[in-house]
Amino acid sequence: MLDMNEVVGGHDLLLVTLDTLRYDVAEESLAAGRLPTLARALPGGRWERRHSPGSFTYAAHAAILAGFLPTPAAPGPHPRPFAAAFPGSETTAPGTWVFDAPDLPGGLAKAGYHTICVGGVGFFNKLTPLGSALPSLFAESHWKPEFGVTSPVSFEAQIACAERAVAGTDGPVFLFVNVSALHQPNWFHLPGATREDGDSPASHAAALEYVDRHIGRLFALVSERRPGYAIVCSDHGTAYGEDGYVGHRIGHEVVWTVPYGEFVMERGQWR
């Protein structure tokens, strides 16, 4: 693990959650050469296999935004990059950046970061008190229907929003993007598929390929002014009929196992 005490303050920070992305689909797509941008960015060109802290979006993000990122899928304890000050924490190490706040955006704000949320799925839509809870952790938050799960161009719209938001600040930035494109419905990302065909692991993979075609813009955005540090991961997976299950918020291997990657980008690396 990097010494995050040397990263925080000198780097812009990017956290991208690829909502609902399954580890097996992510790994197979990468191995098949269908994710060239992520292959370039991820350490060794590989995903790390991890376990989610929650089985659906709200639970997983409540944990992630408190510093409890997906856990390596091997015996631990595993030191965390970020951790709230908490007596007796077994995963706070010398390289952990410790913040005195209940959540990571709040801790980074105290450290001088402008915190930006670009929401995707319904838990970020700010249309209800529940849909406002996670965005309220940030100094600036954005959501529009075109960022949501039914939009075939959701990720492009989210990136355009992020670009405008970052352009409006001069200091260090913590940018969080919840990518909705992988979440159902995703059939429209698979060429030739129809609504009647429905979603499948193949359309899930096609949605990931769509994300890969555009995610380089986010990497460029967060490394153009100063070095950038990025975490790209899933919050949880989803089932497409395995053992009779469909969806998530269930205790199944395809839900709990998620892809994860973290890396530093030098200034101008993604131009």
C-alpha atoms as a PDB file:
ATOM      1  CA  MET A   1       0.000   0.000   0.000  1.00  0.00           C
ATOM      2  CA  LEU A   2       1.157   3.512  -0.780  1.00  0.00           C
ATOM      3  CA  ASP A   3       1.850   5.866   2.110  1.00  0.00           C
ATOM      4  CA  MET A   4      -1.318   7.893   1.811  1.00  0.00           C
ATOM      5  CA  ASN A   5       0.102  10.573   4.081  1.00  0.00           C
ATOM      6  CA  GLU A   6       2.382  11.447   1.166  1.00  0.00           C
ATOM      7  CA  VAL A   7      -0.461  11.307  -1.364  1.00  0.00           C
ATOM      8  CA  VAL A   8      -3.134  13.369   0.382  1.00  0.00           C
ATOM      9  CA  GLY A   9      -2.418  17.034  -0.133  1.00  0.00           C
ATOM     10  CA  GLY A  10      -0.176  16.676  -3.155  1.00  0.00           C
ATOM     11  CA  HIS A  11      -2.529  14.765  -5.447  1.00  0.00           C
ATOM     12  CA  ASP A  12      -5.997  15.245  -6.820  1.00  0.00           C
ATOM     13  CA  LEU A  13      -8.089  12.218  -5.804  1.00  0.00           C
ATOM     14  CA  LEU A  14     -10.537  10.193  -7.889  1.00  0.00           C
ATOM     15  CA  LEU A  15     -12.901   7.504  -6.621  1.00  0.00           C
ATOM     16  CA  VAL A  16     -14.925   5.724  -9.305  1.00  0.00           C
ATOM     17  CA  THR A  17     -17.471   3.098  -8.313  1.00  0.00           C
ATOM     18  CA  LEU A  18     -18.579   0.976 -11.267  1.00  0.00           C
ATOM     19  CA  ASP A  19     -21.965   0.250  -9.793  1.00  0.00           C
ATOM     20  CA  THR A  20     -22.959  -3.440  -9.847  1.00  0.00           C
ATOM     21  CA  LEU A  21     -19.887  -4.624 -11.804  1.00  0.00           C
ATOM     22  CA  ARG A  22     -19.190  -8.327 -11.280  1.00  0.00           C
ATOM     23  CA  TYR A  23     -15.619  -9.514 -10.785  1.00  0.00           C
ATOM     24  CA  ASP A  24     -15.875 -12.417 -13.227  1.00  0.00           C
ATOM     25  CA  VAL A  25     -17.197 -10.224 -16.049  1.00  0.00           C
ATOM     26  CA  ALA A  26     -14.585  -7.548 -15.340  1.00  0.00           C
ATOM     27  CA  GLU A  27     -11.748 -10.084 -15.306  1.00  0.00           C
ATOM     28  CA  GLU A  28     -12.896 -11.891 -18.447  1.00  0.00           C
ATOM     29  CA  SER A  29     -13.301  -8.619 -20.345  1.00  0.00           C
ATOM     30  CA  LEU A  30      -9.833  -7.456 -19.336  1.00  0.00           C
ATOM     31  CA  ALA A  31      -8.202 -10.791 -20.216  1.00  0.00           C
ATOM     32  CA  ALA A  32      -9.883 -10.736 -23.638  1.00  0.00           C
ATOM     33  CA  GLY A  33      -8.350  -7.350 -24.438  1.00  0.00           C
ATOM     34  CA  ARG A  34     -11.668  -5.503 -24.494  1.00  0.00           C
ATOM     35  CA  LEU A  35     -10.689  -2.912 -21.859  1.00  0.00           C
ATOM     36  CA  PRO A  36      -7.585  -1.196 -23.254  1.00  0.00           C
ATOM     37  CA  THR A  37      -7.859   1.963 -21.149  1.00  0.00           C
ATOM     38  CA  LEU A  38      -8.268   0.121 -17.859  1.00  0.00           C
ATOM     39  CA  ALA A  39      -5.545  -2.354 -18.858  1.00  0.00           C
ATOM     40  CA  ARG A  40      -3.183   0.585 -19.214  1.00  0.00           C
ATOM     41  CA  ALA A  41      -4.183   2.086 -15.861  1.00  0.00           C
ATOM     42  CA  LEU A  42      -4.487  -0.920 -13.539  1.00  0.00           C
ATOM     43  CA  PRO A  43      -1.290  -2.133 -11.825  1.00  0.00           C
ATOM     44  CA  GLY A  44       0.105  -4.972 -13.895  1.00  0.00           C
ATOM     45  CA  GLY A  45      -2.895  -4.632 -16.191  1.00  0.00           C
ATOM     46  CA  ARG A  46      -5.002  -6.717 -13.797  1.00  0.00           C
ATOM     47  CA  TRP A  47      -7.959  -6.304 -11.506  1.00  0.00           C
ATOM     48  CA  GLU A  48      -7.506  -7.174  -7.855  1.00  0.00           C
ATOM     49  CA  ARG A  49     -10.110  -9.587  -6.496  1.00  0.00           C
ATOM     50  CA  ARG A  50     -11.814  -8.148  -3.428  1.00  0.00           C
ATOM     51  CA  HIS A  51     -14.902  -8.526  -1.251  1.00  0.00           C
ATOM     52  CA  SER A  52     -17.525  -5.796  -1.054  1.00  0.00           C
ATOM     53  CA  PRO A  53     -18.444  -4.204   2.298  1.00  0.00           C
ATOM     54  CA  GLY A  54     -22.130  -4.392   1.286  1.00  0.00           C
ATOM     55  CA  SER A  55     -24.464  -6.306  -1.010  1.00  0.00           C
ATOM     56  CA  PHE A  56     -26.231  -3.287  -2.534  1.00  0.00           C
ATOM     57  CA  THR A  57     -25.425   0.314  -3.407  1.00  0.00           C
ATOM     58  CA  TYR A  58     -26.444   2.181  -0.274  1.00  0.00           C
ATOM     59  CA  ALA A  59     -24.805  -0.195   2.188  1.00  0.00           C
ATOM     60  CA  ALA A  60     -21.606  -0.499   0.172  1.00  0.00           C
ATOM     61  CA  HIS A  61     -21.241   3.238  -0.377  1.00  0.00           C
ATOM     62  CA  ALA A  62     -21.970   4.104   3.238  1.00  0.00           C
ATOM     63  CA  ALA A  63     -18.984   1.912   4.106  1.00  0.00           C
ATOM     64  CA  ILE A  64     -16.744   3.020   1.216  1.00  0.00           C
ATOM     65  CA  LEU A  65     -17.303   6.709   1.950  1.00  0.00           C
ATOM     66  CA  ALA A  66     -16.358   6.055   5.580  1.00  0.00           C
ATOM     67  CA  GLY A  67     -13.028   4.580   4.450  1.00  0.00           C
ATOM     68  CA  PHE A  68     -14.004   0.902   4.358  1.00  0.00           C
ATOM     69  CA  LEU A  69     -13.086   0.063   0.776  1.00  0.00           C
ATOM     70  CA  PRO A  70     -13.569  -3.437  -0.664  1.00  0.00           C
ATOM     71  CA  THR A  71     -11.341  -5.862   1.251  1.00  0.00           C
ATOM     72  CA  PRO A  72      -8.682  -8.054  -0.427  1.00  0.00           C
ATOM     73  CA  ALA A  73     -10.072 -11.566  -0.859  1.00  0.00           C
ATOM     74  CA  ALA A  74      -7.424 -13.200   1.331  1.00  0.00           C
ATOM     75  CA  PRO A  75      -6.830 -13.553   5.074  1.00  0.00           C
ATOM     76  CA  GLY A  76      -5.983 -10.235   6.743  1.00  0.00           C
ATOM     77  CA  PRO A  77      -5.972  -7.875   8.468  1.00  0.00           C
ATOM     78  CA  HIS A  78      -5.499  -5.551   5.504  1.00  0.00           C
ATOM     79  CA  PRO A  79      -4.328  -1.953   6.098  1.00  0.00           C
ATOM     80  CA  ARG A  80      -6.640   0.678   4.647  1.00  0.00           C
ATOM     81  CA  PRO A  81      -5.607   3.746   2.619  1.00  0.00           C
ATOM     82  CA  PHE A  82      -8.059   5.970   4.515  1.00  0.00           C
ATOM     83  CA  ALA A  83      -9.518   5.575   7.979  1.00  0.00           C
ATOM     84  CA  ALA A  84     -11.539   7.664  10.383  1.00  0.00           C
ATOM     85  CA  ALA A  85      -9.917   8.105  13.768  1.00  0.00           C
ATOM     86  CA  PHE A  86     -11.220   5.150  15.733  1.00  0.00           C
ATOM     87  CA  PRO A  87      -9.656   3.603  18.872  1.00  0.00           C
ATOM     88  CA  GLY A  88      -8.674  -0.019  18.434  1.00  0.00           C
ATOM     89  CA  SER A  89      -8.841  -0.087  14.622  1.00  0.00           C
ATOM     90  CA  GLU A  90      -6.903  -3.137  13.410  1.00  0.00           C
ATOM     91  CA  THR A  91      -6.691  -1.932   9.806  1.00  0.00           C
ATOM     92  CA  THR A  92      -5.127   1.488  10.479  1.00  0.00           C
ATOM     93  CA  ALA A  93      -1.409   1.334   9.653  1.00  0.00           C
ATOM     94  CA  PRO A  94       1.442   3.878   9.460  1.00  0.00           C
ATOM     95  CA  GLY A  95       0.661   4.421   5.758  1.00  0.00           C
ATOM     96  CA  THR A  96      -3.042   5.051   6.412  1.00  0.00           C
ATOM     97  CA  TRP A  97      -4.259   8.625   6.123  1.00  0.00           C
ATOM     98  CA  VAL A  98      -6.346   9.121   9.264  1.00  0.00           C
ATOM     99  CA  PHE A  99      -9.077  11.749   9.295  1.00  0.00           C
ATOM    100  CA  ASP A 100     -11.022  13.231  12.200  1.00  0.00           C
ATOM    101  CA  ALA A 101     -14.484  13.142  10.642  1.00  0.00           C
ATOM    102  CA  PRO A 102     -17.281  10.569  10.275  1.00  0.00           C
ATOM    103  CA  ASP A 103     -16.749  10.225   6.521  1.00  0.00           C
ATOM    104  CA  LEU A 104     -13.982  10.508   3.930  1.00  0.00           C
ATOM    105  CA  PRO A 105     -15.371  13.546   2.050  1.00  0.00           C
ATOM    106  CA  GLY A 106     -15.638  15.419   5.344  1.00  0.00           C
ATOM    107  CA  GLY A 107     -12.098  14.470   6.313  1.00  0.00           C
ATOM    108  CA  LEU A 108     -10.703  15.553   2.957  1.00  0.00           C
ATOM    109  CA  ALA A 109     -12.636  18.820   3.144  1.00  0.00           C
ATOM    110  CA  LYS A 110     -10.871  19.557   6.436  1.00  0.00           C
ATOM    111  CA  ALA A 111      -7.578  18.890   4.630  1.00  0.00           C
ATOM    112  CA  GLY A 112      -8.374  21.551   2.029  1.00  0.00           C
ATOM    113  CA  TYR A 113      -9.987  19.452  -0.704  1.00  0.00           C
ATOM    114  CA  HIS A 114     -13.020  20.541  -2.669  1.00  0.00           C
ATOM    115  CA  THR A 115     -15.254  17.463  -2.684  1.00  0.00           C
ATOM    116  CA  ILE A 116     -17.437  16.719  -5.720  1.00  0.00           C
ATOM    117  CA  CYS A 117     -20.024  13.964  -6.202  1.00  0.00           C
ATOM    118  CA  VAL A 118     -21.372  13.040  -9.640  1.00  0.00           C
ATOM    119  CA  GLY A 119     -24.153  10.577  -8.932  1.00  0.00           C
ATOM    120  CA  GLY A 120     -25.516   7.803 -11.088  1.00  0.00           C
ATOM    121  CA  VAL A 121     -27.969   5.305  -9.608  1.00  0.00           C
ATOM    122  CA  GLY A 122     -31.055   6.249  -7.610  1.00  0.00           C
ATOM    123  CA  PHE A 123     -29.327   6.505  -4.238  1.00  0.00           C
ATOM    124  CA  PHE A 124     -27.626   9.649  -5.594  1.00  0.00           C
ATOM    125  CA  ASN A 125     -30.574  11.286  -7.371  1.00  0.00           C
ATOM    126  CA  LYS A 126     -31.358  13.849  -4.621  1.00  0.00           C
ATOM    127  CA  LEU A 127     -35.076  13.460  -5.350  1.00  0.00           C
ATOM    128  CA  THR A 128     -35.866  12.073  -1.886  1.00  0.00           C
ATOM    129  CA  PRO A 129     -34.314  12.313   1.588  1.00  0.00           C
ATOM    130  CA  LEU A 130     -32.734   8.874   1.079  1.00  0.00           C
ATOM    131  CA  GLY A 131     -31.448   9.833  -2.371  1.00  0.00           C
ATOM    132  CA  SER A 132     -29.894  12.937  -0.801  1.00  0.00           C
ATOM    133  CA  ALA A 133     -28.081  11.251   2.103  1.00  0.00           C
ATOM    134  CA  LEU A 134     -24.897  10.189   0.285  1.00  0.00           C
ATOM    135  CA  PRO A 135     -24.612  13.302  -1.931  1.00  0.00           C
ATOM    136  CA  SER A 136     -24.924  15.490   1.185  1.00  0.00           C
ATOM    137  CA  LEU A 137     -21.506  14.270   2.331  1.00  0.00           C
ATOM    138  CA  PHE A 138     -19.931  16.356  -0.446  1.00  0.00           C
ATOM    139  CA  ALA A 139     -19.487  20.112  -0.801  1.00  0.00           C
ATOM    140  CA  GLU A 140     -20.811  19.890  -4.368  1.00  0.00           C
ATOM    141  CA  SER A 141     -23.067  17.213  -5.820  1.00  0.00           C
ATOM    142  CA  HIS A 142     -24.740  16.659  -9.171  1.00  0.00           C
ATOM    143  CA  TRP A 143     -27.397  14.379 -10.615  1.00  0.00           C
ATOM    144  CA  LYS A 144     -29.624  14.532 -13.699  1.00  0.00           C
ATOM    145  CA  PRO A 145     -31.853  11.886 -15.306  1.00  0.00           C
ATOM    146  CA  GLU A 146     -29.308  11.494 -18.123  1.00  0.00           C
ATOM    147  CA  PHE A 147     -26.791  10.260 -15.493  1.00  0.00           C
ATOM    148  CA  GLY A 148     -29.121   7.433 -14.488  1.00  0.00           C
ATOM    149  CA  VAL A 149     -29.492   3.771 -15.289  1.00  0.00           C
ATOM    150  CA  THR A 150     -31.870   4.151 -18.238  1.00  0.00           C
ATOM    151  CA  SER A 151     -29.612   6.463 -20.260  1.00  0.00           C
ATOM    152  CA  PRO A 152     -27.450   4.852 -22.990  1.00  0.00           C
ATOM    153  CA  VAL A 153     -25.031   7.811 -22.718  1.00  0.00           C
ATOM    154  CA  SER A 154     -24.998   8.118 -18.930  1.00  0.00           C
ATOM    155  CA  PHE A 155     -21.237   7.946 -18.474  1.00  0.00           C
ATOM    156  CA  GLU A 156     -20.495  10.540 -21.130  1.00  0.00           C
ATOM    157  CA  ALA A 157     -22.968  12.904 -19.466  1.00  0.00           C
ATOM    158  CA  GLN A 158     -21.396  12.265 -16.066  1.00  0.00           C
ATOM    159  CA  ILE A 159     -17.898  12.981 -17.367  1.00  0.00           C
ATOM    160  CA  ALA A 160     -19.010  16.243 -18.972  1.00  0.00           C
ATOM    161  CA  CYS A 161     -20.483  17.286 -15.620  1.00  0.00           C
ATOM    162  CA  ALA A 162     -17.274  16.340 -13.795  1.00  0.00           C
ATOM    163  CA  GLU A 163     -15.192  18.337 -16.253  1.00  0.00           C
ATOM    164  CA  ARG A 164     -17.288  21.442 -15.637  1.00  0.00           C
ATOM    165  CA  ALA A 165     -17.149  21.000 -11.872  1.00  0.00           C
ATOM    166  CA  VAL A 166     -13.379  20.519 -11.696  1.00  0.00           C
ATOM    167  CA  ALA A 167     -12.811  23.486 -14.020  1.00  0.00           C
ATOM    168  CA  GLY A 168     -14.490  25.694 -11.426  1.00  0.00           C
ATOM    169  CA  THR A 169     -11.924  25.104  -8.675  1.00  0.00           C
ATOM    170  CA  ASP A 170      -8.209  25.808  -8.306  1.00  0.00           C
ATOM    171  CA  GLY A 171      -7.319  23.841  -5.191  1.00  0.00           C
ATOM    172  CA  PRO A 172      -7.015  20.084  -4.680  1.00  0.00           C
ATOM    173  CA  VAL A 173     -10.081  18.068  -5.664  1.00  0.00           C
ATOM    174  CA  PHE A 174     -11.675  14.860  -4.459  1.00  0.00           C
ATOM    175  CA  LEU A 175     -13.898  13.698  -7.312  1.00  0.00           C
ATOM    176  CA  PHE A 176     -16.314  10.825  -6.749  1.00  0.00           C
ATOM    177  CA  VAL A 177     -18.243   9.341  -9.677  1.00  0.00           C
ATOM    178  CA  ASN A 178     -20.859   6.629  -9.245  1.00  0.00           C
ATOM    179  CA  VAL A 179     -21.084   5.037 -12.701  1.00  0.00           C
ATOM    180  CA  SER A 180     -24.592   3.772 -13.435  1.00  0.00           C
ATOM    181  CA  ALA A 181     -23.970   2.188 -16.859  1.00  0.00           C
ATOM    182  CA  LEU A 182     -23.347  -1.353 -15.533  1.00  0.00           C
ATOM    183  CA  HIS A 183     -26.550  -1.433 -13.488  1.00  0.00           C
ATOM    184  CA  GLN A 184     -29.685  -2.917 -14.962  1.00  0.00           C
ATOM    185  CA  PRO A 185     -31.092  -2.136 -17.449  1.00  0.00           C
ATOM    186  CA  ASN A 186     -27.973  -2.529 -19.573  1.00  0.00           C
ATOM    187  CA  TRP A 187     -29.264  -4.522 -22.563  1.00  0.00           C
ATOM    188  CA  PHE A 188     -29.031  -1.447 -24.809  1.00  0.00           C
ATOM    189  CA  HIS A 189     -25.217  -1.503 -24.616  1.00  0.00           C
ATOM    190  CA  LEU A 190     -25.094  -4.850 -26.433  1.00  0.00           C
ATOM    191  CA  PRO A 191     -25.294  -4.411 -30.217  1.00  0.00           C
ATOM    192  CA  GLY A 192     -28.425  -6.049 -31.607  1.00  0.00           C
ATOM    193  CA  ALA A 193     -30.061  -6.648 -28.224  1.00  0.00           C
ATOM    194  CA  THR A 194     -33.660  -5.656 -27.583  1.00  0.00           C
ATOM    195  CA  ARG A 195     -35.674  -4.866 -24.488  1.00  0.00           C
ATOM    196  CA  GLU A 196     -37.301  -8.289 -24.850  1.00  0.00           C
ATOM    197  CA  ASP A 197     -33.862  -9.950 -24.699  1.00  0.00           C
ATOM    198  CA  GLY A 198     -33.279  -8.332 -21.317  1.00  0.00           C
ATOM    199  CA  ASP A 199     -30.003  -8.025 -19.437  1.00  0.00           C
ATOM    200  CA  SER A 200     -27.307 -10.688 -19.330  1.00  0.00           C
ATOM    201  CA  PRO A 201     -23.626 -11.094 -18.491  1.00  0.00           C
ATOM    202  CA  ALA A 202     -22.954 -10.248 -22.158  1.00  0.00           C
ATOM    203  CA  SER A 203     -24.790  -6.904 -21.958  1.00  0.00           C
ATOM    204  CA  HIS A 204     -23.107  -6.275 -18.583  1.00  0.00           C
ATOM    205  CA  ALA A 205     -19.742  -6.758 -20.311  1.00  0.00           C
ATOM    206  CA  ALA A 206     -20.794  -4.517 -23.202  1.00  0.00           C
ATOM    207  CA  ALA A 207     -21.642  -1.776 -20.703  1.00  0.00           C
ATOM    208  CA  LEU A 208     -18.169  -2.127 -19.196  1.00  0.00           C
ATOM    209  CA  GLU A 209     -16.612  -1.783 -22.641  1.00  0.00           C
ATOM    210  CA  TYR A 210     -18.641   1.407 -23.098  1.00  0.00           C
ATOM    211  CA  VAL A 211     -17.226   2.742 -19.828  1.00  0.00           C
ATOM    212  CA  ASP A 212     -13.680   1.834 -20.855  1.00  0.00           C
ATOM    213  CA  ARG A 213     -14.025   3.857 -24.066  1.00  0.00           C
ATOM    214  CA  HIS A 214     -14.587   7.028 -22.047  1.00  0.00           C
ATOM    215  CA  ILE A 215     -12.924   6.608 -18.645  1.00  0.00           C
ATOM    216  CA  GLY A 216      -9.623   7.989 -19.904  1.00  0.00           C
ATOM    217  CA  ARG A 217     -11.249  11.428 -19.827  1.00  0.00           C
ATOM    218  CA  LEU A 218     -11.672  11.102 -16.062  1.00  0.00           C
ATOM    219  CA  PHE A 219      -8.069  10.010 -15.624  1.00  0.00           C
ATOM    220  CA  ALA A 220      -6.902  12.997 -17.677  1.00  0.00           C
ATOM    221  CA  LEU A 221      -9.120  15.343 -15.685  1.00  0.00           C
ATOM    222  CA  VAL A 222      -7.668  14.278 -12.344  1.00  0.00           C
ATOM    223  CA  SER A 223      -4.024  14.294 -13.466  1.00  0.00           C
ATOM    224  CA  GLU A 224      -3.819  17.404 -15.614  1.00  0.00           C
ATOM    225  CA  ARG A 225      -3.178  19.981 -12.842  1.00  0.00           C
ATOM    226  CA  ARG A 226      -1.147  17.890 -10.382  1.00  0.00           C
ATOM    227  CA  PRO A 227      -0.439  14.168  -9.888  1.00  0.00           C
ATOM    228  CA  GLY A 228      -3.576  12.105  -9.428  1.00  0.00           C
ATOM    229  CA  TYR A 229      -4.462   9.119  -7.279  1.00  0.00           C
ATOM    230  CA  ALA A 230      -7.335   6.940  -8.437  1.00  0.00           C
ATOM    231  CA  ILE A 231      -9.385   4.107  -7.009  1.00  0.00           C
ATOM    232  CA  VAL A 232     -11.607   2.294  -9.516  1.00  0.00           C
ATOM    233  CA  CYS A 233     -13.779  -0.483  -8.113  1.00  0.00           C
ATOM    234  CA  SER A 234     -17.211  -2.014  -7.984  1.00  0.00           C
ATOM    235  CA  ASP A 235     -19.472  -1.519  -4.998  1.00  0.00           C
ATOM    236  CA  HIS A 236     -21.069  -4.973  -5.389  1.00  0.00           C
ATOM    237  CA  GLY A 237     -21.910  -7.469  -8.115  1.00  0.00           C
ATOM    238  CA  THR A 238     -25.220  -8.800  -9.346  1.00  0.00           C
ATOM    239  CA  ALA A 239     -26.741 -12.148 -10.304  1.00  0.00           C
ATOM    240  CA  TYR A 240     -28.080 -13.128 -13.719  1.00  0.00           C
ATOM    241  CA  GLY A 241     -29.750 -16.400 -12.770  1.00  0.00           C
ATOM    242  CA  GLU A 242     -26.936 -18.123 -10.871  1.00  0.00           C
ATOM    243  CA  ASP A 243     -28.502 -20.645  -8.462  1.00  0.00           C
ATOM    244  CA  GLY A 244     -31.863 -19.099  -9.322  1.00  0.00           C
ATOM    245  CA  TYR A 245     -30.915 -15.599  -8.121  1.00  0.00           C
ATOM    246  CA  VAL A 246     -31.395 -12.402 -10.083  1.00  0.00           C
ATOM    247  CA  GLY A 247     -30.170  -9.023  -8.855  1.00  0.00           C
ATOM    248  CA  HIS A 248     -28.324  -8.186  -5.641  1.00  0.00           C
ATOM    249  CA  ARG A 249     -28.882  -7.459  -1.930  1.00  0.00           C
ATOM    250  CA  ILE A 250     -28.276 -11.180  -1.443  1.00  0.00           C
ATOM    251  CA  GLY A 251     -25.380 -13.198  -0.010  1.00  0.00           C
ATOM    252  CA  HIS A 252     -24.065 -14.791  -3.214  1.00  0.00           C
ATOM    253  CA  GLU A 253     -20.498 -15.065  -4.519  1.00  0.00           C
ATOM    254  CA  VAL A 254     -21.244 -13.046  -7.663  1.00  0.00           C
ATOM    255  CA  VAL A 255     -22.537 -10.211  -5.460  1.00  0.00           C
ATOM    256  CA  TRP A 256     -19.804 -10.168  -2.819  1.00  0.00           C
ATOM    257  CA  THR A 257     -16.803 -10.533  -5.149  1.00  0.00           C
ATOM    258  CA  VAL A 258     -15.776  -7.311  -6.878  1.00  0.00           C
ATOM    259  CA  PRO A 259     -12.933  -5.921  -9.027  1.00  0.00           C
ATOM    260  CA  TYR A 260     -10.639  -3.273  -7.563  1.00  0.00           C
ATOM    261  CA  GLY A 261      -7.698  -1.164  -8.686  1.00  0.00           C
ATOM    262  CA  GLU A 262      -5.756   1.780  -7.270  1.00  0.00           C
ATOM    263  CA  PHE A 263      -2.933   3.685  -8.924  1.00  0.00           C
ATOM    264  CA  VAL A 264      -1.060   6.980  -9.137  1.00  0.00           C
ATOM    265  CA  MET A 265      -1.085   9.022 -12.337  1.00  0.00           C
ATOM    266  CA  GLU A 266       1.708  11.463 -13.045  1.00  0.00           C
ATOM    267  CA  ARG A 267       0.737  14.934 -14.114  1.00  0.00           C
ATOM    268  CA  GLY A 268      -0.207  14.961 -17.805  1.00  0.00           C
ATOM    269  CA  GLN A 269       0.049  11.168 -18.113  1.00  0.00           C
ATOM    270  CA  TRP A 270      -3.398  10.850 -19.727  1.00  0.00           C
ATOM    271  CA  ARG A 271      -3.202  13.681 -22.220  1.00  0.00           C
END
